[in-house]
Amino acid sequence: MKKKVTIYNSNNHKFEADLLLCFEVPEINERYIVYSFPSNEENTIINVGNLRERGDNCYYIEELDNEEEWNFIKKVMLQIVRESK
């Protein structure tokens, strides 16, 4: 069963997504969320963003805009998948 989360983007728009993974990278003091939007399609698009606290225990997602950070996150996700087997 997929866990649904309600999150906000940096423009304060609310949306519902399927939570796939949430993790923190202490070395760079960043938290990330991996999610997808509910879909009936065969191919699901996976999204990743920085998880930022908005206050009142609410969070918003900040899009990754740095290719170096994105490459780092792909390596971390691959490591998580390998360790979970």
PDB file of N, CA and C in Angstrom:
ATOM      1  N   MET A   1       0.839  -1.185   0.000  1.00  0.00           N
ATOM      2  CA  MET A   1       0.000   0.000   0.000  1.00  0.00           C
ATOM      3  C   MET A   1       0.884   1.248   0.000  1.00  0.00           C
ATOM      4  N   LYS A   2       0.577   2.165  -0.873  1.00  0.00           N
ATOM      5  CA  LYS A   2       1.346   3.392  -0.993  1.00  0.00           C
ATOM      6  C   LYS A   2       0.907   4.382   0.084  1.00  0.00           C
ATOM      7  N   LYS A   3       1.897   5.088   0.629  1.00  0.00           N
ATOM      8  CA  LYS A   3       1.586   6.121   1.601  1.00  0.00           C
ATOM      9  C   LYS A   3       1.382   7.440   0.869  1.00  0.00           C
ATOM     10  N   LYS A   4       0.269   8.078   1.124  1.00  0.00           N
ATOM     11  CA  LYS A   4      -0.051   9.371   0.520  1.00  0.00           C
ATOM     12  C   LYS A   4       0.421  10.480   1.445  1.00  0.00           C
ATOM     13  N   VAL A   5       0.977  11.510   0.860  1.00  0.00           N
ATOM     14  CA  VAL A   5       1.382  12.677   1.631  1.00  0.00           C
ATOM     15  C   VAL A   5       0.853  13.933   0.945  1.00  0.00           C
ATOM     16  N   THR A   6       0.568  14.921   1.745  1.00  0.00           N
ATOM     17  CA  THR A   6       0.179  16.228   1.230  1.00  0.00           C
ATOM     18  C   THR A   6       1.340  17.154   1.491  1.00  0.00           C
ATOM     19  N   ILE A   7       1.847  17.727   0.416  1.00  0.00           N
ATOM     20  CA  ILE A   7       2.996  18.607   0.526  1.00  0.00           C
ATOM     21  C   ILE A   7       2.741  19.878  -0.278  1.00  0.00           C
ATOM     22  N   TYR A   8       3.568  20.860  -0.059  1.00  0.00           N
ATOM     23  CA  TYR A   8       3.432  22.147  -0.723  1.00  0.00           C
ATOM     24  C   TYR A   8       4.688  22.420  -1.536  1.00  0.00           C
ATOM     25  N   ASN A   9       4.514  23.120  -2.647  1.00  0.00           N
ATOM     26  CA  ASN A   9       5.699  23.555  -3.385  1.00  0.00           C
ATOM     27  C   ASN A   9       6.087  24.942  -2.879  1.00  0.00           C
ATOM     28  N   SER A  10       7.142  25.497  -3.414  1.00  0.00           N
ATOM     29  CA  SER A  10       7.634  26.789  -2.931  1.00  0.00           C
ATOM     30  C   SER A  10       6.650  27.934  -3.210  1.00  0.00           C
ATOM     31  N   ASN A  11       5.675  27.709  -4.082  1.00  0.00           N
ATOM     32  CA  ASN A  11       4.634  28.709  -4.361  1.00  0.00           C
ATOM     33  C   ASN A  11       3.404  28.503  -3.488  1.00  0.00           C
ATOM     34  N   ASN A  12       3.520  27.617  -2.492  1.00  0.00           N
ATOM     35  CA  ASN A  12       2.462  27.324  -1.539  1.00  0.00           C
ATOM     36  C   ASN A  12       1.265  26.597  -2.159  1.00  0.00           C
ATOM     37  N   HIS A  13       1.466  25.920  -3.303  1.00  0.00           N
ATOM     38  CA  HIS A  13       0.415  25.100  -3.888  1.00  0.00           C
ATOM     39  C   HIS A  13       0.463  23.719  -3.251  1.00  0.00           C
ATOM     40  N   LYS A  14      -0.682  23.240  -2.831  1.00  0.00           N
ATOM     41  CA  LYS A  14      -0.788  21.959  -2.147  1.00  0.00           C
ATOM     42  C   LYS A  14      -1.070  20.857  -3.161  1.00  0.00           C
ATOM     43  N   PHE A  15      -0.439  19.686  -2.963  1.00  0.00           N
ATOM     44  CA  PHE A  15      -0.733  18.557  -3.830  1.00  0.00           C
ATOM     45  C   PHE A  15      -0.542  17.255  -3.073  1.00  0.00           C
ATOM     46  N   GLU A  16      -1.197  16.228  -3.552  1.00  0.00           N
ATOM     47  CA  GLU A  16      -1.090  14.899  -2.955  1.00  0.00           C
ATOM     48  C   GLU A  16      -0.152  14.060  -3.806  1.00  0.00           C
ATOM     49  N   ALA A  17       0.722  13.322  -3.134  1.00  0.00           N
ATOM     50  CA  ALA A  17       1.694  12.498  -3.843  1.00  0.00           C
ATOM     51  C   ALA A  17       1.843  11.161  -3.133  1.00  0.00           C
ATOM     52  N   ASP A  18       2.408  10.203  -3.844  1.00  0.00           N
ATOM     53  CA  ASP A  18       2.759   8.911  -3.253  1.00  0.00           C
ATOM     54  C   ASP A  18       4.184   9.029  -2.727  1.00  0.00           C
ATOM     55  N   LEU A  19       4.360   8.816  -1.435  1.00  0.00           N
ATOM     56  CA  LEU A  19       5.681   8.888  -0.825  1.00  0.00           C
ATOM     57  C   LEU A  19       6.432   7.606  -1.121  1.00  0.00           C
ATOM     58  N   LEU A  20       7.593   7.729  -1.725  1.00  0.00           N
ATOM     59  CA  LEU A  20       8.424   6.573  -2.037  1.00  0.00           C
ATOM     60  C   LEU A  20       9.571   6.443  -1.049  1.00  0.00           C
ATOM     61  N   LEU A  21      10.163   7.568  -0.683  1.00  0.00           N
ATOM     62  CA  LEU A  21      11.334   7.538   0.184  1.00  0.00           C
ATOM     63  C   LEU A  21      11.583   8.942   0.723  1.00  0.00           C
ATOM     64  N   CYS A  22      12.031   9.001   1.943  1.00  0.00           N
ATOM     65  CA  CYS A  22      12.422  10.261   2.547  1.00  0.00           C
ATOM     66  C   CYS A  22      13.716   9.984   3.298  1.00  0.00           C
ATOM     67  N   PHE A  23      14.739  10.813   3.109  1.00  0.00           N
ATOM     68  CA  PHE A  23      16.005  10.563   3.782  1.00  0.00           C
ATOM     69  C   PHE A  23      16.765  11.861   4.013  1.00  0.00           C
ATOM     70  N   GLU A  24      17.703  11.784   4.950  1.00  0.00           N
ATOM     71  CA  GLU A  24      18.532  12.932   5.288  1.00  0.00           C
ATOM     72  C   GLU A  24      19.987  12.601   4.978  1.00  0.00           C
ATOM     73  N   VAL A  25      20.712  13.592   4.508  1.00  0.00           N
ATOM     74  CA  VAL A  25      22.143  13.445   4.260  1.00  0.00           C
ATOM     75  C   VAL A  25      22.848  14.394   5.241  1.00  0.00           C
ATOM     76  N   PRO A  26      23.268  13.856   6.397  1.00  0.00           N
ATOM     77  CA  PRO A  26      23.845  14.719   7.440  1.00  0.00           C
ATOM     78  C   PRO A  26      25.101  15.476   6.996  1.00  0.00           C
ATOM     79  N   GLU A  27      25.882  14.884   6.087  1.00  0.00           N
ATOM     80  CA  GLU A  27      27.123  15.536   5.640  1.00  0.00           C
ATOM     81  C   GLU A  27      26.873  16.903   5.016  1.00  0.00           C
ATOM     82  N   ILE A  28      25.721  17.071   4.401  1.00  0.00           N
ATOM     83  CA  ILE A  28      25.412  18.359   3.781  1.00  0.00           C
ATOM     84  C   ILE A  28      24.188  19.018   4.418  1.00  0.00           C
ATOM     85  N   ASN A  29      23.697  18.417   5.515  1.00  0.00           N
ATOM     86  CA  ASN A  29      22.573  18.956   6.279  1.00  0.00           C
ATOM     87  C   ASN A  29      21.346  19.227   5.398  1.00  0.00           C
ATOM     88  N   GLU A  30      20.989  18.221   4.595  1.00  0.00           N
ATOM     89  CA  GLU A  30      19.834  18.339   3.700  1.00  0.00           C
ATOM     90  C   GLU A  30      18.911  17.144   3.878  1.00  0.00           C
ATOM     91  N   ARG A  31      17.619  17.381   3.717  1.00  0.00           N
ATOM     92  CA  ARG A  31      16.612  16.322   3.711  1.00  0.00           C
ATOM     93  C   ARG A  31      15.978  16.279   2.337  1.00  0.00           C
ATOM     94  N   TYR A  32      15.720  15.056   1.868  1.00  0.00           N
ATOM     95  CA  TYR A  32      15.164  14.864   0.527  1.00  0.00           C
ATOM     96  C   TYR A  32      13.916  13.999   0.589  1.00  0.00           C
ATOM     97  N   ILE A  33      13.065  14.216  -0.384  1.00  0.00           N
ATOM     98  CA  ILE A  33      11.863  13.405  -0.526  1.00  0.00           C
ATOM     99  C   ILE A  33      11.826  12.878  -1.961  1.00  0.00           C
ATOM    100  N   VAL A  34      11.481  11.605  -2.079  1.00  0.00           N
ATOM    101  CA  VAL A  34      11.310  10.972  -3.381  1.00  0.00           C
ATOM    102  C   VAL A  34       9.832  10.614  -3.461  1.00  0.00           C
ATOM    103  N   TYR A  35       9.158  11.074  -4.498  1.00  0.00           N
ATOM    104  CA  TYR A  35       7.711  10.908  -4.587  1.00  0.00           C
ATOM    105  C   TYR A  35       7.281  10.779  -6.042  1.00  0.00           C
ATOM    106  N   SER A  36       6.042  10.338  -6.197  1.00  0.00           N
ATOM    107  CA  SER A  36       5.425  10.298  -7.525  1.00  0.00           C
ATOM    108  C   SER A  36       3.990  10.756  -7.370  1.00  0.00           C
ATOM    109  N   PHE A  37       3.405  11.155  -8.455  1.00  0.00           N
ATOM    110  CA  PHE A  37       2.005  11.545  -8.434  1.00  0.00           C
ATOM    111  C   PHE A  37       1.156  10.333  -8.777  1.00  0.00           C
ATOM    112  N   PRO A  38      -0.015  10.204  -8.147  1.00  0.00           N
ATOM    113  CA  PRO A  38      -0.888   9.077  -8.478  1.00  0.00           C
ATOM    114  C   PRO A  38      -1.139   9.035  -9.986  1.00  0.00           C
ATOM    115  N   SER A  39      -0.986   7.838 -10.558  1.00  0.00           N
ATOM    116  CA  SER A  39      -1.100   7.701 -12.004  1.00  0.00           C
ATOM    117  C   SER A  39      -1.592   6.306 -12.355  1.00  0.00           C
ATOM    118  N   ASN A  40      -2.313   6.221 -13.447  1.00  0.00           N
ATOM    119  CA  ASN A  40      -2.751   4.928 -13.965  1.00  0.00           C
ATOM    120  C   ASN A  40      -1.847   4.458 -15.100  1.00  0.00           C
ATOM    121  N   GLU A  41      -0.825   5.256 -15.401  1.00  0.00           N
ATOM    122  CA  GLU A  41       0.074   4.917 -16.493  1.00  0.00           C
ATOM    123  C   GLU A  41       1.036   3.811 -16.088  1.00  0.00           C
ATOM    124  N   GLU A  42       1.549   3.112 -17.080  1.00  0.00           N
ATOM    125  CA  GLU A  42       2.530   2.056 -16.836  1.00  0.00           C
ATOM    126  C   GLU A  42       3.832   2.613 -16.298  1.00  0.00           C
ATOM    127  N   ASN A  43       4.276   3.722 -16.858  1.00  0.00           N
ATOM    128  CA  ASN A  43       5.545   4.322 -16.455  1.00  0.00           C
ATOM    129  C   ASN A  43       5.297   5.455 -15.474  1.00  0.00           C
ATOM    130  N   THR A  44       5.784   5.297 -14.266  1.00  0.00           N
ATOM    131  CA  THR A  44       5.630   6.313 -13.246  1.00  0.00           C
ATOM    132  C   THR A  44       6.854   7.212 -13.245  1.00  0.00           C
ATOM    133  N   ILE A  45       6.630   8.501 -13.202  1.00  0.00           N
ATOM    134  CA  ILE A  45       7.729   9.455 -13.133  1.00  0.00           C
ATOM    135  C   ILE A  45       8.040   9.708 -11.662  1.00  0.00           C
ATOM    136  N   ILE A  46       9.301   9.538 -11.312  1.00  0.00           N
ATOM    137  CA  ILE A  46       9.742   9.733  -9.936  1.00  0.00           C
ATOM    138  C   ILE A  46      10.334  11.131  -9.821  1.00  0.00           C
ATOM    139  N   ASN A  47       9.936  11.831  -8.766  1.00  0.00           N
ATOM    140  CA  ASN A  47      10.398  13.184  -8.512  1.00  0.00           C
ATOM    141  C   ASN A  47      11.214  13.212  -7.227  1.00  0.00           C
ATOM    142  N   VAL A  48      12.177  14.102  -7.179  1.00  0.00           N
ATOM    143  CA  VAL A  48      13.007  14.274  -5.990  1.00  0.00           C
ATOM    144  C   VAL A  48      13.125  15.762  -5.715  1.00  0.00           C
ATOM    145  N   GLY A  49      13.074  16.118  -4.445  1.00  0.00           N
ATOM    146  CA  GLY A  49      13.250  17.516  -4.078  1.00  0.00           C
ATOM    147  C   GLY A  49      13.793  17.647  -2.676  1.00  0.00           C
ATOM    148  N   ASN A  50      14.264  18.845  -2.366  1.00  0.00           N
ATOM    149  CA  ASN A  50      14.688  19.150  -1.009  1.00  0.00           C
ATOM    150  C   ASN A  50      13.440  19.332  -0.156  1.00  0.00           C
ATOM    151  N   LEU A  51      13.434  18.749   1.007  1.00  0.00           N
ATOM    152  CA  LEU A  51      12.314  18.881   1.920  1.00  0.00           C
ATOM    153  C   LEU A  51      12.620  20.031   2.871  1.00  0.00           C
ATOM    154  N   ARG A  52      11.806  21.064   2.822  1.00  0.00           N
ATOM    155  CA  ARG A  52      12.008  22.261   3.639  1.00  0.00           C
ATOM    156  C   ARG A  52      10.846  22.414   4.615  1.00  0.00           C
ATOM    157  N   GLU A  53      11.187  22.786   5.837  1.00  0.00           N
ATOM    158  CA  GLU A  53      10.134  22.989   6.842  1.00  0.00           C
ATOM    159  C   GLU A  53       9.527  24.363   6.655  1.00  0.00           C
ATOM    160  N   ARG A  54       8.197  24.392   6.680  1.00  0.00           N
ATOM    161  CA  ARG A  54       7.443  25.627   6.506  1.00  0.00           C
ATOM    162  C   ARG A  54       7.026  26.205   7.846  1.00  0.00           C
ATOM    163  N   GLY A  55       7.026  25.364   8.864  1.00  0.00           N
ATOM    164  CA  GLY A  55       6.504  25.736  10.177  1.00  0.00           C
ATOM    165  C   GLY A  55       5.234  24.974  10.437  1.00  0.00           C
ATOM    166  N   ASP A  56       4.796  24.934  11.678  1.00  0.00           N
ATOM    167  CA  ASP A  56       3.575  24.216  12.079  1.00  0.00           C
ATOM    168  C   ASP A  56       3.598  22.766  11.612  1.00  0.00           C
ATOM    169  N   ASN A  57       4.794  22.165  11.596  1.00  0.00           N
ATOM    170  CA  ASN A  57       4.961  20.766  11.187  1.00  0.00           C
ATOM    171  C   ASN A  57       4.522  20.522   9.742  1.00  0.00           C
ATOM    172  N   CYS A  58       4.588  21.541   8.910  1.00  0.00           N
ATOM    173  CA  CYS A  58       4.285  21.431   7.481  1.00  0.00           C
ATOM    174  C   CYS A  58       5.584  21.606   6.703  1.00  0.00           C
ATOM    175  N   TYR A  59       5.618  21.001   5.527  1.00  0.00           N
ATOM    176  CA  TYR A  59       6.820  21.034   4.704  1.00  0.00           C
ATOM    177  C   TYR A  59       6.485  21.434   3.284  1.00  0.00           C
ATOM    178  N   TYR A  60       7.468  21.926   2.583  1.00  0.00           N
ATOM    179  CA  TYR A  60       7.322  22.171   1.155  1.00  0.00           C
ATOM    180  C   TYR A  60       8.524  21.581   0.435  1.00  0.00           C
ATOM    181  N   ILE A  61       8.382  21.403  -0.851  1.00  0.00           N
ATOM    182  CA  ILE A  61       9.436  20.817  -1.667  1.00  0.00           C
ATOM    183  C   ILE A  61      10.095  21.902  -2.500  1.00  0.00           C
ATOM    184  N   GLU A  62      11.409  21.912  -2.440  1.00  0.00           N
ATOM    185  CA  GLU A  62      12.186  22.816  -3.265  1.00  0.00           C
ATOM    186  C   GLU A  62      12.845  21.967  -4.340  1.00  0.00           C
ATOM    187  N   GLU A  63      12.596  22.305  -5.589  1.00  0.00           N
ATOM    188  CA  GLU A  63      13.136  21.529  -6.705  1.00  0.00           C
ATOM    189  C   GLU A  63      14.659  21.555  -6.707  1.00  0.00           C
ATOM    190  N   LEU A  64      15.258  20.451  -7.111  1.00  0.00           N
ATOM    191  CA  LEU A  64      16.707  20.402  -7.272  1.00  0.00           C
ATOM    192  C   LEU A  64      17.067  21.190  -8.524  1.00  0.00           C
ATOM    193  N   ASP A  65      17.961  22.141  -8.397  1.00  0.00           N
ATOM    194  CA  ASP A  65      18.330  22.953  -9.549  1.00  0.00           C
ATOM    195  C   ASP A  65      19.820  22.884  -9.853  1.00  0.00           C
ATOM    196  N   ASN A  66      20.493  21.964  -9.207  1.00  0.00           N
ATOM    197  CA  ASN A  66      21.928  21.845  -9.336  1.00  0.00           C
ATOM    198  C   ASN A  66      22.254  20.433  -9.810  1.00  0.00           C
ATOM    199  N   GLU A  67      22.875  20.312 -10.958  1.00  0.00           N
ATOM    200  CA  GLU A  67      23.167  18.986 -11.521  1.00  0.00           C
ATOM    201  C   GLU A  67      24.107  18.182 -10.622  1.00  0.00           C
ATOM    202  N   GLU A  68      25.034  18.853  -9.988  1.00  0.00           N
ATOM    203  CA  GLU A  68      25.964  18.167  -9.082  1.00  0.00           C
ATOM    204  C   GLU A  68      25.196  17.554  -7.896  1.00  0.00           C
ATOM    205  N   GLU A  69      24.242  18.313  -7.345  1.00  0.00           N
ATOM    206  CA  GLU A  69      23.428  17.793  -6.239  1.00  0.00           C
ATOM    207  C   GLU A  69      22.564  16.633  -6.717  1.00  0.00           C
ATOM    208  N   TRP A  70      21.981  16.761  -7.908  1.00  0.00           N
ATOM    209  CA  TRP A  70      21.139  15.704  -8.461  1.00  0.00           C
ATOM    210  C   TRP A  70      21.956  14.423  -8.654  1.00  0.00           C
ATOM    211  N   ASN A  71      23.162  14.517  -9.173  1.00  0.00           N
ATOM    212  CA  ASN A  71      24.023  13.342  -9.345  1.00  0.00           C
ATOM    213  C   ASN A  71      24.372  12.716  -8.000  1.00  0.00           C
ATOM    214  N   PHE A  72      24.608  13.544  -6.995  1.00  0.00           N
ATOM    215  CA  PHE A  72      24.884  13.050  -5.654  1.00  0.00           C
ATOM    216  C   PHE A  72      23.673  12.277  -5.113  1.00  0.00           C
ATOM    217  N   ILE A  73      22.478  12.815  -5.295  1.00  0.00           N
ATOM    218  CA  ILE A  73      21.252  12.177  -4.798  1.00  0.00           C
ATOM    219  C   ILE A  73      21.018  10.854  -5.513  1.00  0.00           C
ATOM    220  N   LYS A  74      21.292  10.786  -6.811  1.00  0.00           N
ATOM    221  CA  LYS A  74      21.133   9.516  -7.527  1.00  0.00           C
ATOM    222  C   LYS A  74      22.045   8.449  -6.937  1.00  0.00           C
ATOM    223  N   LYS A  75      23.265   8.816  -6.575  1.00  0.00           N
ATOM    224  CA  LYS A  75      24.190   7.862  -5.953  1.00  0.00           C
ATOM    225  C   LYS A  75      23.673   7.407  -4.591  1.00  0.00           C
ATOM    226  N   VAL A  76      23.140   8.341  -3.813  1.00  0.00           N
ATOM    227  CA  VAL A  76      22.599   7.996  -2.497  1.00  0.00           C
ATOM    228  C   VAL A  76      21.411   7.048  -2.651  1.00  0.00           C
ATOM    229  N   MET A  77      20.505   7.344  -3.588  1.00  0.00           N
ATOM    230  CA  MET A  77      19.339   6.484  -3.797  1.00  0.00           C
ATOM    231  C   MET A  77      19.765   5.092  -4.240  1.00  0.00           C
ATOM    232  N   LEU A  78      20.743   5.005  -5.113  1.00  0.00           N
ATOM    233  CA  LEU A  78      21.246   3.709  -5.561  1.00  0.00           C
ATOM    234  C   LEU A  78      21.830   2.924  -4.388  1.00  0.00           C
ATOM    235  N   GLN A  79      22.559   3.601  -3.530  1.00  0.00           N
ATOM    236  CA  GLN A  79      23.124   2.951  -2.344  1.00  0.00           C
ATOM    237  C   GLN A  79      22.017   2.448  -1.420  1.00  0.00           C
ATOM    238  N   ILE A  80      20.965   3.232  -1.229  1.00  0.00           N
ATOM    239  CA  ILE A  80      19.845   2.816  -0.387  1.00  0.00           C
ATOM    240  C   ILE A  80      19.194   1.573  -0.970  1.00  0.00           C
ATOM    241  N   VAL A  81      18.980   1.534  -2.272  1.00  0.00           N
ATOM    242  CA  VAL A  81      18.369   0.382  -2.922  1.00  0.00           C
ATOM    243  C   VAL A  81      19.262  -0.862  -2.748  1.00  0.00           C
ATOM    244  N   ARG A  82      20.544  -0.700  -2.951  1.00  0.00           N
ATOM    245  CA  ARG A  82      21.470  -1.833  -2.801  1.00  0.00           C
ATOM    246  C   ARG A  82      21.464  -2.380  -1.375  1.00  0.00           C
ATOM    247  N   GLU A  83      21.442  -1.497  -0.386  1.00  0.00           N
ATOM    248  CA  GLU A  83      21.471  -1.920   1.005  1.00  0.00           C
ATOM    249  C   GLU A  83      20.161  -2.533   1.462  1.00  0.00           C
ATOM    250  N   SER A  84      19.076  -2.253   0.764  1.00  0.00           N
ATOM    251  CA  SER A  84      17.770  -2.778   1.167  1.00  0.00           C
ATOM    252  C   SER A  84      17.508  -4.179   0.641  1.00  0.00           C
ATOM    253  N   LYS A  85      18.388  -4.688  -0.228  1.00  0.00           N
ATOM    254  CA  LYS A  85      18.197  -6.024  -0.809  1.00  0.00           C
ATOM    255  C   LYS A  85      18.605  -7.101   0.156  1.00  0.00           C
TER     256      LYS A  85
END
